[in-house]
Amino acid sequence: MSHEIDALKSQALAELSGSLNMDALRDLEIRYLGKKGLVAGLMAHMRDLPNEQKPAFGQQVNDLKNLLQDKVAALREDLKSVTLLEEVNDPWFDPSLPGTPEPRGALHPLTAMAEEVEGIFRRMGFIVPDYPEAESEFFNFEALNIPGDHPARDMQDTFWLKDGNLLRTHTSPGQVRAMREFAPPFKAIFPGKVYRYEALDASHEHTFHQVEGLLIDREVSVGNLIHSMRVLLSEIFRRDVKIRLRPGYFPFVEPGFELDFECSVCGGTGCSVCKYSGWVELLPCGLVHPNVLRAGGLDPAEWSGWAFGLGLSRLVMMKYRIDDIRHLMGGDLRFLRQFA
């Protein structure tokens, strides 16, 4: 077998030395070093050898492979140098001309907004744990005071997985997971993607982004919640923003509220984004329901908290006056280049 390895080595080195361009070198690299190449084919002879000869044979094949890889790498660099020299010596070459500009990328507006929101809350002392997008029915529904026969289950259609789990319909499961993970008092936010089987329109998507917020302490009030939300929105929009708080029903908070934001696309006059109401539902919130505290392993008589669910996608739309949520996940570079 050593003779066969030596013969292949001589053959490969001769052919590689005669390669005159990158295409020929690439073809030879695949022929000898590819997954189905000649060097890999040598290993098929391993099963025919006595056990005591197999280590030495394997080492010889590896040495050959390393030798040829080094040879290919050296030849590739030589060919690059030759190509560059030919270009420089071309009589039409003008070194004073500007080079080919490299396209500049940028953060997606959703990523930029998520980082901005995280930064604001980190400065307020919040932690930012990460939780799974494929969630169990317990954390997504039952632990949030939404049992199987609860009418709230009809409020949102769900993408169910074959193993009985689901794609989370909100970032709220992070509330219970965090209560089980961190000792109170603590405050945390949980940004991420969520999924709902919805009809698509200018303000609804099947995949969108939220950030959940949670504060657990011994004495928590609605006033604490409102103050934190005002700080957040004023930091994002760099100005005082017009909001309204109205009663809302959410099984995992009591009392519950809807925090609405004056539509910045139309300035409150009415458009398709705000459904011609002048307001955009931005931030469901409230005080954590006692049943949710119990699911998180906390005693409601000792601990309380507030929670909110902020729509990051809608927040991006308001900040940049985007009139259709489908642009955010559409992948259209003409749209994304505006944020470069």
C-alpha atoms as a PDB file:
ATOM      1  CA  MET A   1       0.000   0.000   0.000  1.00  0.00           C
ATOM      2  CA  SER A   2       2.942   2.346   0.561  1.00  0.00           C
ATOM      3  CA  HIS A   3       3.809   2.052  -3.143  1.00  0.00           C
ATOM      4  CA  GLU A   4       0.271   3.076  -4.065  1.00  0.00           C
ATOM      5  CA  ILE A   5       0.439   6.120  -1.746  1.00  0.00           C
ATOM      6  CA  ASP A   6       3.838   7.140  -3.178  1.00  0.00           C
ATOM      7  CA  ALA A   7       2.543   6.782  -6.734  1.00  0.00           C
ATOM      8  CA  LEU A   8      -0.500   8.943  -5.979  1.00  0.00           C
ATOM      9  CA  LYS A   9       1.739  11.504  -4.282  1.00  0.00           C
ATOM     10  CA  SER A  10       4.045  11.784  -7.312  1.00  0.00           C
ATOM     11  CA  GLN A  11       1.114  11.980  -9.705  1.00  0.00           C
ATOM     12  CA  ALA A  12      -0.666  14.673  -7.659  1.00  0.00           C
ATOM     13  CA  LEU A  13       2.425  16.854  -7.217  1.00  0.00           C
ATOM     14  CA  ALA A  14       3.214  16.656 -10.935  1.00  0.00           C
ATOM     15  CA  GLU A  15      -0.288  17.645 -11.976  1.00  0.00           C
ATOM     16  CA  LEU A  16      -0.518  20.423  -9.390  1.00  0.00           C
ATOM     17  CA  SER A  17       2.803  21.896 -10.499  1.00  0.00           C
ATOM     18  CA  GLY A  18       1.470  22.028 -14.048  1.00  0.00           C
ATOM     19  CA  SER A  19      -1.743  23.893 -13.137  1.00  0.00           C
ATOM     20  CA  LEU A  20      -1.629  27.275 -14.889  1.00  0.00           C
ATOM     21  CA  ASN A  21      -4.766  28.971 -13.599  1.00  0.00           C
ATOM     22  CA  MET A  22      -7.231  29.028 -10.707  1.00  0.00           C
ATOM     23  CA  ASP A  23      -9.832  26.909 -12.483  1.00  0.00           C
ATOM     24  CA  ALA A  24      -7.348  24.097 -13.169  1.00  0.00           C
ATOM     25  CA  LEU A  25      -6.081  24.255  -9.588  1.00  0.00           C
ATOM     26  CA  ARG A  26      -9.632  24.076  -8.226  1.00  0.00           C
ATOM     27  CA  ASP A  27     -10.418  21.028 -10.378  1.00  0.00           C
ATOM     28  CA  LEU A  28      -7.289  19.234  -9.179  1.00  0.00           C
ATOM     29  CA  GLU A  29      -8.063  20.104  -5.554  1.00  0.00           C
ATOM     30  CA  ILE A  30     -11.484  18.497  -5.892  1.00  0.00           C
ATOM     31  CA  ARG A  31     -10.052  15.480  -7.727  1.00  0.00           C
ATOM     32  CA  TYR A  32      -7.488  14.701  -5.057  1.00  0.00           C
ATOM     33  CA  LEU A  33      -8.788  16.271  -1.834  1.00  0.00           C
ATOM     34  CA  GLY A  34     -12.559  16.283  -2.279  1.00  0.00           C
ATOM     35  CA  LYS A  35     -14.854  14.132  -0.160  1.00  0.00           C
ATOM     36  CA  LYS A  36     -14.911  11.576  -2.980  1.00  0.00           C
ATOM     37  CA  GLY A  37     -11.389  12.334  -4.148  1.00  0.00           C
ATOM     38  CA  LEU A  38      -8.467   9.998  -4.716  1.00  0.00           C
ATOM     39  CA  VAL A  39      -6.879  10.594  -1.297  1.00  0.00           C
ATOM     40  CA  ALA A  40     -10.145   9.834   0.482  1.00  0.00           C
ATOM     41  CA  GLY A  41     -10.465   6.727  -1.694  1.00  0.00           C
ATOM     42  CA  LEU A  42      -7.256   5.331  -0.215  1.00  0.00           C
ATOM     43  CA  MET A  43      -9.037   4.898   3.114  1.00  0.00           C
ATOM     44  CA  ALA A  44     -11.250   2.239   1.504  1.00  0.00           C
ATOM     45  CA  HIS A  45      -8.240  -0.090   1.605  1.00  0.00           C
ATOM     46  CA  MET A  46      -8.070   0.196   5.402  1.00  0.00           C
ATOM     47  CA  ARG A  47     -10.512  -2.688   5.926  1.00  0.00           C
ATOM     48  CA  ASP A  48      -8.259  -5.079   3.946  1.00  0.00           C
ATOM     49  CA  LEU A  49      -5.202  -4.479   6.135  1.00  0.00           C
ATOM     50  CA  PRO A  50      -4.190  -6.372   9.293  1.00  0.00           C
ATOM     51  CA  ASN A  51      -5.003  -4.448  12.456  1.00  0.00           C
ATOM     52  CA  GLU A  52      -1.338  -3.852  13.271  1.00  0.00           C
ATOM     53  CA  GLN A  53      -0.791  -2.070   9.910  1.00  0.00           C
ATOM     54  CA  LYS A  54      -3.842   0.185  10.052  1.00  0.00           C
ATOM     55  CA  PRO A  55      -2.359   2.988  12.263  1.00  0.00           C
ATOM     56  CA  ALA A  56       0.718   3.385  10.049  1.00  0.00           C
ATOM     57  CA  PHE A  57      -1.377   3.346   6.878  1.00  0.00           C
ATOM     58  CA  GLY A  58      -3.785   5.936   8.271  1.00  0.00           C
ATOM     59  CA  GLN A  59      -0.866   8.183   9.235  1.00  0.00           C
ATOM     60  CA  GLN A  60       0.617   7.928   5.727  1.00  0.00           C
ATOM     61  CA  VAL A  61      -2.693   8.933   4.141  1.00  0.00           C
ATOM     62  CA  ASN A  62      -3.049  11.888   6.532  1.00  0.00           C
ATOM     63  CA  ASP A  63       0.515  12.997   5.760  1.00  0.00           C
ATOM     64  CA  LEU A  64      -0.279  12.885   2.045  1.00  0.00           C
ATOM     65  CA  LYS A  65      -3.471  14.863   2.569  1.00  0.00           C
ATOM     66  CA  ASN A  66      -1.647  17.544   4.577  1.00  0.00           C
ATOM     67  CA  LEU A  67       1.138  17.748   2.001  1.00  0.00           C
ATOM     68  CA  LEU A  68      -1.281  18.259  -0.873  1.00  0.00           C
ATOM     69  CA  GLN A  69      -3.323  20.814   1.080  1.00  0.00           C
ATOM     70  CA  ASP A  70      -0.168  22.848   1.756  1.00  0.00           C
ATOM     71  CA  LYS A  71       0.822  22.549  -1.910  1.00  0.00           C
ATOM     72  CA  VAL A  72      -2.576  23.748  -3.108  1.00  0.00           C
ATOM     73  CA  ALA A  73      -2.540  26.694  -0.687  1.00  0.00           C
ATOM     74  CA  ALA A  74       0.966  27.734  -1.839  1.00  0.00           C
ATOM     75  CA  LEU A  75       0.047  27.458  -5.516  1.00  0.00           C
ATOM     76  CA  ARG A  76      -3.121  29.473  -4.958  1.00  0.00           C
ATOM     77  CA  GLU A  77      -1.105  32.322  -3.439  1.00  0.00           C
ATOM     78  CA  ASP A  78       1.410  32.146  -6.313  1.00  0.00           C
ATOM     79  CA  LEU A  79      -1.373  32.352  -8.894  1.00  0.00           C
ATOM     80  CA  LYS A  80      -2.903  35.325  -7.074  1.00  0.00           C
ATOM     81  CA  SER A  81       0.452  37.112  -7.207  1.00  0.00           C
ATOM     82  CA  VAL A  82       0.866  36.336 -10.914  1.00  0.00           C
ATOM     83  CA  THR A  83      -2.649  37.574 -11.674  1.00  0.00           C
ATOM     84  CA  LEU A  84      -2.074  40.771  -9.719  1.00  0.00           C
ATOM     85  CA  LEU A  85       1.258  41.374 -11.458  1.00  0.00           C
ATOM     86  CA  GLU A  86      -0.367  40.913 -14.872  1.00  0.00           C
ATOM     87  CA  GLU A  87      -3.032  43.446 -13.980  1.00  0.00           C
ATOM     88  CA  VAL A  88      -0.481  45.968 -12.737  1.00  0.00           C
ATOM     89  CA  ASN A  89       1.640  45.577 -15.911  1.00  0.00           C
ATOM     90  CA  ASP A  90      -1.386  46.008 -18.180  1.00  0.00           C
ATOM     91  CA  PRO A  91      -0.835  49.242 -20.176  1.00  0.00           C
ATOM     92  CA  TRP A  92      -4.460  50.208 -19.496  1.00  0.00           C
ATOM     93  CA  PHE A  93      -4.037  49.937 -15.738  1.00  0.00           C
ATOM     94  CA  ASP A  94      -4.370  53.298 -13.963  1.00  0.00           C
ATOM     95  CA  PRO A  95      -3.548  53.166 -10.234  1.00  0.00           C
ATOM     96  CA  SER A  96      -5.012  56.649  -9.739  1.00  0.00           C
ATOM     97  CA  LEU A  97      -8.560  55.441 -10.472  1.00  0.00           C
ATOM     98  CA  PRO A  98     -10.779  54.803  -7.424  1.00  0.00           C
ATOM     99  CA  GLY A  99     -11.269  51.201  -6.430  1.00  0.00           C
ATOM    100  CA  THR A 100     -14.507  49.271  -6.603  1.00  0.00           C
ATOM    101  CA  PRO A 101     -16.626  50.429  -3.673  1.00  0.00           C
ATOM    102  CA  GLU A 102     -17.627  47.752  -1.193  1.00  0.00           C
ATOM    103  CA  PRO A 103     -21.363  47.789  -0.428  1.00  0.00           C
ATOM    104  CA  ARG A 104     -22.008  48.890   3.133  1.00  0.00           C
ATOM    105  CA  GLY A 105     -24.446  46.929   5.230  1.00  0.00           C
ATOM    106  CA  ALA A 106     -26.517  48.108   8.154  1.00  0.00           C
ATOM    107  CA  LEU A 107     -28.517  46.736  11.027  1.00  0.00           C
ATOM    108  CA  HIS A 108     -32.088  45.794  10.239  1.00  0.00           C
ATOM    109  CA  PRO A 109     -34.415  48.421  11.774  1.00  0.00           C
ATOM    110  CA  LEU A 110     -35.913  45.757  14.056  1.00  0.00           C
ATOM    111  CA  THR A 111     -32.460  44.779  15.309  1.00  0.00           C
ATOM    112  CA  ALA A 112     -31.525  48.414  15.844  1.00  0.00           C
ATOM    113  CA  MET A 113     -34.755  49.072  17.750  1.00  0.00           C
ATOM    114  CA  ALA A 114     -34.306  45.942  19.906  1.00  0.00           C
ATOM    115  CA  GLU A 115     -30.766  47.029  20.823  1.00  0.00           C
ATOM    116  CA  GLU A 116     -31.977  50.546  21.622  1.00  0.00           C
ATOM    117  CA  VAL A 117     -34.782  49.270  23.863  1.00  0.00           C
ATOM    118  CA  GLU A 118     -32.421  46.842  25.586  1.00  0.00           C
ATOM    119  CA  GLY A 119     -29.960  49.667  26.201  1.00  0.00           C
ATOM    120  CA  ILE A 120     -32.645  51.870  27.772  1.00  0.00           C
ATOM    121  CA  PHE A 121     -33.809  49.136  30.113  1.00  0.00           C
ATOM    122  CA  ARG A 122     -30.284  48.027  31.004  1.00  0.00           C
ATOM    123  CA  ARG A 123     -29.580  51.575  32.129  1.00  0.00           C
ATOM    124  CA  MET A 124     -32.683  51.265  34.314  1.00  0.00           C
ATOM    125  CA  GLY A 125     -31.237  48.125  35.929  1.00  0.00           C
ATOM    126  CA  PHE A 126     -33.123  45.455  33.938  1.00  0.00           C
ATOM    127  CA  ILE A 127     -31.587  42.127  32.941  1.00  0.00           C
ATOM    128  CA  VAL A 128     -32.168  40.613  29.462  1.00  0.00           C
ATOM    129  CA  PRO A 129     -32.477  36.798  29.576  1.00  0.00           C
ATOM    130  CA  ASP A 130     -33.271  34.793  26.431  1.00  0.00           C
ATOM    131  CA  TYR A 131     -36.025  32.166  26.232  1.00  0.00           C
ATOM    132  CA  PRO A 132     -37.059  29.680  23.502  1.00  0.00           C
ATOM    133  CA  GLU A 133     -39.315  30.480  20.551  1.00  0.00           C
ATOM    134  CA  ALA A 134     -40.607  26.893  20.475  1.00  0.00           C
ATOM    135  CA  GLU A 135     -42.592  26.877  23.700  1.00  0.00           C
ATOM    136  CA  SER A 136     -44.650  24.415  25.729  1.00  0.00           C
ATOM    137  CA  GLU A 137     -48.400  24.797  26.100  1.00  0.00           C
ATOM    138  CA  PHE A 138     -47.912  25.164  29.850  1.00  0.00           C
ATOM    139  CA  PHE A 139     -45.679  28.252  29.693  1.00  0.00           C
ATOM    140  CA  ASN A 140     -47.471  29.836  26.733  1.00  0.00           C
ATOM    141  CA  PHE A 141     -50.991  29.417  28.112  1.00  0.00           C
ATOM    142  CA  GLU A 142     -51.644  27.584  31.372  1.00  0.00           C
ATOM    143  CA  ALA A 143     -48.988  29.277  33.524  1.00  0.00           C
ATOM    144  CA  LEU A 144     -50.303  32.636  32.288  1.00  0.00           C
ATOM    145  CA  ASN A 145     -53.787  31.977  33.681  1.00  0.00           C
ATOM    146  CA  ILE A 146     -55.086  30.740  30.314  1.00  0.00           C
ATOM    147  CA  PRO A 147     -56.297  27.134  30.879  1.00  0.00           C
ATOM    148  CA  GLY A 148     -57.522  24.919  28.065  1.00  0.00           C
ATOM    149  CA  ASP A 149     -61.177  25.883  28.446  1.00  0.00           C
ATOM    150  CA  HIS A 150     -60.487  29.585  28.886  1.00  0.00           C
ATOM    151  CA  PRO A 151     -62.168  31.821  26.267  1.00  0.00           C
ATOM    152  CA  ALA A 152     -58.910  33.757  25.882  1.00  0.00           C
ATOM    153  CA  ARG A 153     -57.583  30.805  23.886  1.00  0.00           C
ATOM    154  CA  ASP A 154     -59.797  31.971  21.035  1.00  0.00           C
ATOM    155  CA  MET A 155     -58.103  35.371  20.932  1.00  0.00           C
ATOM    156  CA  GLN A 156     -55.072  34.138  19.020  1.00  0.00           C
ATOM    157  CA  ASP A 157     -54.499  31.413  16.474  1.00  0.00           C
ATOM    158  CA  THR A 158     -51.442  29.292  17.080  1.00  0.00           C
ATOM    159  CA  PHE A 159     -48.822  27.441  15.046  1.00  0.00           C
ATOM    160  CA  TRP A 160     -48.744  23.997  16.698  1.00  0.00           C
ATOM    161  CA  LEU A 161     -45.778  21.646  16.320  1.00  0.00           C
ATOM    162  CA  LYS A 162     -45.975  17.892  15.803  1.00  0.00           C
ATOM    163  CA  ASP A 163     -44.450  17.180  19.233  1.00  0.00           C
ATOM    164  CA  GLY A 164     -47.288  19.014  21.023  1.00  0.00           C
ATOM    165  CA  ASN A 165     -45.333  22.216  21.559  1.00  0.00           C
ATOM    166  CA  LEU A 166     -46.010  25.467  19.716  1.00  0.00           C
ATOM    167  CA  LEU A 167     -44.392  28.589  18.341  1.00  0.00           C
ATOM    168  CA  ARG A 168     -44.857  31.137  21.108  1.00  0.00           C
ATOM    169  CA  THR A 169     -47.698  33.549  20.426  1.00  0.00           C
ATOM    170  CA  HIS A 170     -46.253  36.230  22.709  1.00  0.00           C
ATOM    171  CA  THR A 171     -43.137  36.858  24.783  1.00  0.00           C
ATOM    172  CA  SER A 172     -45.187  36.548  27.997  1.00  0.00           C
ATOM    173  CA  PRO A 173     -43.935  32.999  28.799  1.00  0.00           C
ATOM    174  CA  GLY A 174     -40.727  34.741  29.859  1.00  0.00           C
ATOM    175  CA  GLN A 175     -42.581  36.060  32.914  1.00  0.00           C
ATOM    176  CA  VAL A 176     -43.044  32.651  34.515  1.00  0.00           C
ATOM    177  CA  ARG A 177     -39.674  31.347  33.345  1.00  0.00           C
ATOM    178  CA  ALA A 178     -37.913  34.360  34.883  1.00  0.00           C
ATOM    179  CA  MET A 179     -39.783  34.027  38.191  1.00  0.00           C
ATOM    180  CA  ARG A 180     -38.610  30.433  38.385  1.00  0.00           C
ATOM    181  CA  GLU A 181     -35.033  31.347  37.469  1.00  0.00           C
ATOM    182  CA  PHE A 182     -34.293  34.533  39.428  1.00  0.00           C
ATOM    183  CA  ALA A 183     -34.793  35.268  43.104  1.00  0.00           C
ATOM    184  CA  PRO A 184     -36.988  38.338  43.730  1.00  0.00           C
ATOM    185  CA  PRO A 185     -36.823  41.271  43.697  1.00  0.00           C
ATOM    186  CA  PHE A 186     -35.709  41.578  40.071  1.00  0.00           C
ATOM    187  CA  LYS A 187     -36.640  43.304  36.811  1.00  0.00           C
ATOM    188  CA  ALA A 188     -36.166  41.873  33.349  1.00  0.00           C
ATOM    189  CA  ILE A 189     -37.154  42.240  29.704  1.00  0.00           C
ATOM    190  CA  PHE A 190     -37.434  39.471  27.112  1.00  0.00           C
ATOM    191  CA  PRO A 191     -37.206  40.615  23.454  1.00  0.00           C
ATOM    192  CA  GLY A 192     -37.804  38.208  20.583  1.00  0.00           C
ATOM    193  CA  LYS A 193     -39.886  36.918  17.696  1.00  0.00           C
ATOM    194  CA  VAL A 194     -43.446  35.665  18.141  1.00  0.00           C
ATOM    195  CA  TYR A 195     -45.792  33.862  15.764  1.00  0.00           C
ATOM    196  CA  ARG A 196     -49.534  33.978  15.119  1.00  0.00           C
ATOM    197  CA  TYR A 197     -51.615  32.462  12.378  1.00  0.00           C
ATOM    198  CA  GLU A 198     -53.139  35.750  11.255  1.00  0.00           C
ATOM    199  CA  ALA A 199     -54.466  37.245   8.054  1.00  0.00           C
ATOM    200  CA  LEU A 200     -51.844  39.661   6.750  1.00  0.00           C
ATOM    201  CA  ASP A 201     -52.563  43.349   6.290  1.00  0.00           C
ATOM    202  CA  ALA A 202     -50.817  46.691   6.810  1.00  0.00           C
ATOM    203  CA  SER A 203     -50.716  46.263  10.582  1.00  0.00           C
ATOM    204  CA  HIS A 204     -50.675  42.443  11.069  1.00  0.00           C
ATOM    205  CA  GLU A 205     -47.986  39.828  10.321  1.00  0.00           C
ATOM    206  CA  HIS A 206     -47.684  36.115  11.109  1.00  0.00           C
ATOM    207  CA  THR A 207     -44.123  36.728  12.405  1.00  0.00           C
ATOM    208  CA  PHE A 208     -43.344  39.857  14.346  1.00  0.00           C
ATOM    209  CA  HIS A 209     -41.265  41.111  17.265  1.00  0.00           C
ATOM    210  CA  GLN A 210     -42.133  41.955  20.844  1.00  0.00           C
ATOM    211  CA  VAL A 211     -40.369  42.735  24.077  1.00  0.00           C
ATOM    212  CA  GLU A 212     -41.873  41.621  27.374  1.00  0.00           C
ATOM    213  CA  GLY A 213     -41.103  43.483  30.570  1.00  0.00           C
ATOM    214  CA  LEU A 214     -41.461  42.292  34.156  1.00  0.00           C
ATOM    215  CA  LEU A 215     -40.744  43.839  37.544  1.00  0.00           C
ATOM    216  CA  ILE A 216     -41.167  41.841  40.756  1.00  0.00           C
ATOM    217  CA  ASP A 217     -40.935  43.505  44.166  1.00  0.00           C
ATOM    218  CA  ARG A 218     -42.817  43.682  47.452  1.00  0.00           C
ATOM    219  CA  GLU A 219     -44.844  46.829  46.723  1.00  0.00           C
ATOM    220  CA  VAL A 220     -45.570  47.614  43.078  1.00  0.00           C
ATOM    221  CA  SER A 221     -48.196  50.027  41.733  1.00  0.00           C
ATOM    222  CA  VAL A 222     -49.655  51.083  38.397  1.00  0.00           C
ATOM    223  CA  GLY A 223     -47.852  54.397  38.848  1.00  0.00           C
ATOM    224  CA  ASN A 224     -44.493  52.578  38.730  1.00  0.00           C
ATOM    225  CA  LEU A 225     -45.537  50.976  35.457  1.00  0.00           C
ATOM    226  CA  ILE A 226     -46.700  54.214  33.809  1.00  0.00           C
ATOM    227  CA  HIS A 227     -43.512  56.030  34.797  1.00  0.00           C
ATOM    228  CA  SER A 228     -41.295  53.314  33.292  1.00  0.00           C
ATOM    229  CA  MET A 229     -43.272  53.347  30.038  1.00  0.00           C
ATOM    230  CA  ARG A 230     -43.042  57.141  29.752  1.00  0.00           C
ATOM    231  CA  VAL A 231     -39.281  56.980  30.243  1.00  0.00           C
ATOM    232  CA  LEU A 232     -38.978  54.282  27.573  1.00  0.00           C
ATOM    233  CA  LEU A 233     -41.027  56.105  24.920  1.00  0.00           C
ATOM    234  CA  SER A 234     -39.478  59.509  25.563  1.00  0.00           C
ATOM    235  CA  GLU A 235     -35.994  57.979  25.227  1.00  0.00           C
ATOM    236  CA  ILE A 236     -36.874  56.283  21.932  1.00  0.00           C
ATOM    237  CA  PHE A 237     -38.630  59.246  20.304  1.00  0.00           C
ATOM    238  CA  ARG A 238     -36.407  61.913  21.908  1.00  0.00           C
ATOM    239  CA  ARG A 239     -39.482  63.913  22.886  1.00  0.00           C
ATOM    240  CA  ASP A 240     -42.542  63.784  25.099  1.00  0.00           C
ATOM    241  CA  VAL A 241     -45.046  61.470  23.469  1.00  0.00           C
ATOM    242  CA  LYS A 242     -48.822  61.540  23.548  1.00  0.00           C
ATOM    243  CA  ILE A 243     -50.220  58.355  25.065  1.00  0.00           C
ATOM    244  CA  ARG A 244     -53.473  57.196  26.577  1.00  0.00           C
ATOM    245  CA  LEU A 245     -54.235  54.445  29.079  1.00  0.00           C
ATOM    246  CA  ARG A 246     -57.534  52.602  28.891  1.00  0.00           C
ATOM    247  CA  PRO A 247     -58.846  49.443  30.561  1.00  0.00           C
ATOM    248  CA  GLY A 248     -57.941  46.196  28.842  1.00  0.00           C
ATOM    249  CA  TYR A 249     -58.421  42.513  29.518  1.00  0.00           C
ATOM    250  CA  PHE A 250     -55.450  40.154  29.605  1.00  0.00           C
ATOM    251  CA  PRO A 251     -55.670  36.963  31.682  1.00  0.00           C
ATOM    252  CA  PHE A 252     -52.146  37.297  33.101  1.00  0.00           C
ATOM    253  CA  VAL A 253     -52.574  40.808  34.583  1.00  0.00           C
ATOM    254  CA  GLU A 254     -55.127  42.321  36.966  1.00  0.00           C
ATOM    255  CA  PRO A 255     -55.922  45.136  36.521  1.00  0.00           C
ATOM    256  CA  GLY A 256     -55.031  45.272  32.823  1.00  0.00           C
ATOM    257  CA  PHE A 257     -54.566  48.256  30.534  1.00  0.00           C
ATOM    258  CA  GLU A 258     -54.006  49.156  26.907  1.00  0.00           C
ATOM    259  CA  LEU A 259     -51.396  51.855  26.419  1.00  0.00           C
ATOM    260  CA  ASP A 260     -52.028  53.527  23.066  1.00  0.00           C
ATOM    261  CA  PHE A 261     -49.658  55.789  21.182  1.00  0.00           C
ATOM    262  CA  GLU A 262     -50.742  58.618  18.914  1.00  0.00           C
ATOM    263  CA  CYS A 263     -50.107  57.454  15.340  1.00  0.00           C
ATOM    264  CA  SER A 264     -46.984  59.202  14.052  1.00  0.00           C
ATOM    265  CA  VAL A 265     -47.665  58.123  10.468  1.00  0.00           C
ATOM    266  CA  CYS A 266     -50.782  60.303  10.182  1.00  0.00           C
ATOM    267  CA  GLY A 267     -50.277  62.528  13.247  1.00  0.00           C
ATOM    268  CA  GLY A 268     -53.526  61.313  14.778  1.00  0.00           C
ATOM    269  CA  THR A 269     -55.748  62.191  11.800  1.00  0.00           C
ATOM    270  CA  GLY A 270     -56.376  58.552  10.817  1.00  0.00           C
ATOM    271  CA  CYS A 271     -54.746  56.125   8.359  1.00  0.00           C
ATOM    272  CA  SER A 272     -54.574  52.407   7.503  1.00  0.00           C
ATOM    273  CA  VAL A 273     -51.889  51.779  10.140  1.00  0.00           C
ATOM    274  CA  CYS A 274     -54.055  53.048  13.009  1.00  0.00           C
ATOM    275  CA  LYS A 275     -57.256  51.802  11.362  1.00  0.00           C
ATOM    276  CA  TYR A 276     -58.317  55.443  11.001  1.00  0.00           C
ATOM    277  CA  SER A 277     -58.592  55.911  14.762  1.00  0.00           C
ATOM    278  CA  GLY A 278     -55.538  58.139  15.225  1.00  0.00           C
ATOM    279  CA  TRP A 279     -54.170  55.732  17.862  1.00  0.00           C
ATOM    280  CA  VAL A 280     -52.035  52.598  17.666  1.00  0.00           C
ATOM    281  CA  GLU A 281     -52.283  49.824  20.246  1.00  0.00           C
ATOM    282  CA  LEU A 282     -48.701  49.630  21.403  1.00  0.00           C
ATOM    283  CA  LEU A 283     -48.368  48.285  24.887  1.00  0.00           C
ATOM    284  CA  PRO A 284     -50.728  45.954  26.781  1.00  0.00           C
ATOM    285  CA  CYS A 285     -49.764  46.082  30.444  1.00  0.00           C
ATOM    286  CA  GLY A 286     -50.938  45.716  34.026  1.00  0.00           C
ATOM    287  CA  LEU A 287     -50.154  44.246  37.432  1.00  0.00           C
ATOM    288  CA  VAL A 288     -49.148  40.589  37.420  1.00  0.00           C
ATOM    289  CA  HIS A 289     -52.087  38.297  38.191  1.00  0.00           C
ATOM    290  CA  PRO A 290     -51.780  36.309  41.462  1.00  0.00           C
ATOM    291  CA  ASN A 291     -52.199  33.032  39.555  1.00  0.00           C
ATOM    292  CA  VAL A 292     -49.184  33.892  37.395  1.00  0.00           C
ATOM    293  CA  LEU A 293     -47.130  34.673  40.488  1.00  0.00           C
ATOM    294  CA  ARG A 294     -48.100  31.274  41.898  1.00  0.00           C
ATOM    295  CA  ALA A 295     -47.124  29.552  38.612  1.00  0.00           C
ATOM    296  CA  GLY A 296     -43.749  31.251  38.947  1.00  0.00           C
ATOM    297  CA  GLY A 297     -43.314  29.888  42.469  1.00  0.00           C
ATOM    298  CA  LEU A 298     -43.971  33.187  44.300  1.00  0.00           C
ATOM    299  CA  ASP A 299     -46.424  33.957  47.095  1.00  0.00           C
ATOM    300  CA  PRO A 300     -48.872  36.732  45.981  1.00  0.00           C
ATOM    301  CA  ALA A 301     -49.266  37.774  49.619  1.00  0.00           C
ATOM    302  CA  GLU A 302     -45.566  38.619  49.723  1.00  0.00           C
ATOM    303  CA  TRP A 303     -44.668  39.630  46.147  1.00  0.00           C
ATOM    304  CA  SER A 304     -46.310  41.712  43.431  1.00  0.00           C
ATOM    305  CA  GLY A 305     -45.239  43.049  40.056  1.00  0.00           C
ATOM    306  CA  TRP A 306     -46.096  44.711  36.799  1.00  0.00           C
ATOM    307  CA  ALA A 307     -45.701  43.428  33.262  1.00  0.00           C
ATOM    308  CA  PHE A 308     -46.036  44.754  29.738  1.00  0.00           C
ATOM    309  CA  GLY A 309     -45.781  43.457  26.183  1.00  0.00           C
ATOM    310  CA  LEU A 310     -44.356  46.015  23.763  1.00  0.00           C
ATOM    311  CA  GLY A 311     -44.778  45.543  20.017  1.00  0.00           C
ATOM    312  CA  LEU A 312     -41.301  46.212  18.623  1.00  0.00           C
ATOM    313  CA  SER A 313     -42.527  45.943  15.036  1.00  0.00           C
ATOM    314  CA  ARG A 314     -45.152  48.608  15.586  1.00  0.00           C
ATOM    315  CA  LEU A 315     -42.688  50.738  17.495  1.00  0.00           C
ATOM    316  CA  VAL A 316     -40.358  50.679  14.453  1.00  0.00           C
ATOM    317  CA  MET A 317     -43.292  51.644  12.240  1.00  0.00           C
ATOM    318  CA  MET A 318     -44.103  54.609  14.444  1.00  0.00           C
ATOM    319  CA  LYS A 319     -40.520  55.825  14.732  1.00  0.00           C
ATOM    320  CA  TYR A 320     -39.760  55.645  11.002  1.00  0.00           C
ATOM    321  CA  ARG A 321     -43.332  56.284   9.774  1.00  0.00           C
ATOM    322  CA  ILE A 322     -43.592  52.977   7.928  1.00  0.00           C
ATOM    323  CA  ASP A 323     -47.109  52.430   6.631  1.00  0.00           C
ATOM    324  CA  ASP A 324     -47.029  48.636   6.161  1.00  0.00           C
ATOM    325  CA  ILE A 325     -45.675  46.088   8.659  1.00  0.00           C
ATOM    326  CA  ARG A 326     -45.030  43.596   5.858  1.00  0.00           C
ATOM    327  CA  HIS A 327     -42.031  45.662   4.726  1.00  0.00           C
ATOM    328  CA  LEU A 328     -40.146  44.677   7.886  1.00  0.00           C
ATOM    329  CA  MET A 329     -39.997  40.950   7.127  1.00  0.00           C
ATOM    330  CA  GLY A 330     -40.220  41.213   3.336  1.00  0.00           C
ATOM    331  CA  GLY A 331     -36.480  41.173   2.628  1.00  0.00           C
ATOM    332  CA  ASP A 332     -36.723  43.922   0.004  1.00  0.00           C
ATOM    333  CA  LEU A 333     -33.253  45.501  -0.192  1.00  0.00           C
ATOM    334  CA  ARG A 334     -34.689  48.726  -1.594  1.00  0.00           C
ATOM    335  CA  PHE A 335     -36.540  49.144   1.692  1.00  0.00           C
ATOM    336  CA  LEU A 336     -33.658  48.039   3.941  1.00  0.00           C
ATOM    337  CA  ARG A 337     -31.055  50.267   2.250  1.00  0.00           C
ATOM    338  CA  GLN A 338     -32.892  53.289   3.589  1.00  0.00           C
ATOM    339  CA  PHE A 339     -31.572  52.398   7.052  1.00  0.00           C
ATOM    340  CA  ALA A 340     -27.913  52.010   5.988  1.00  0.00           C
END
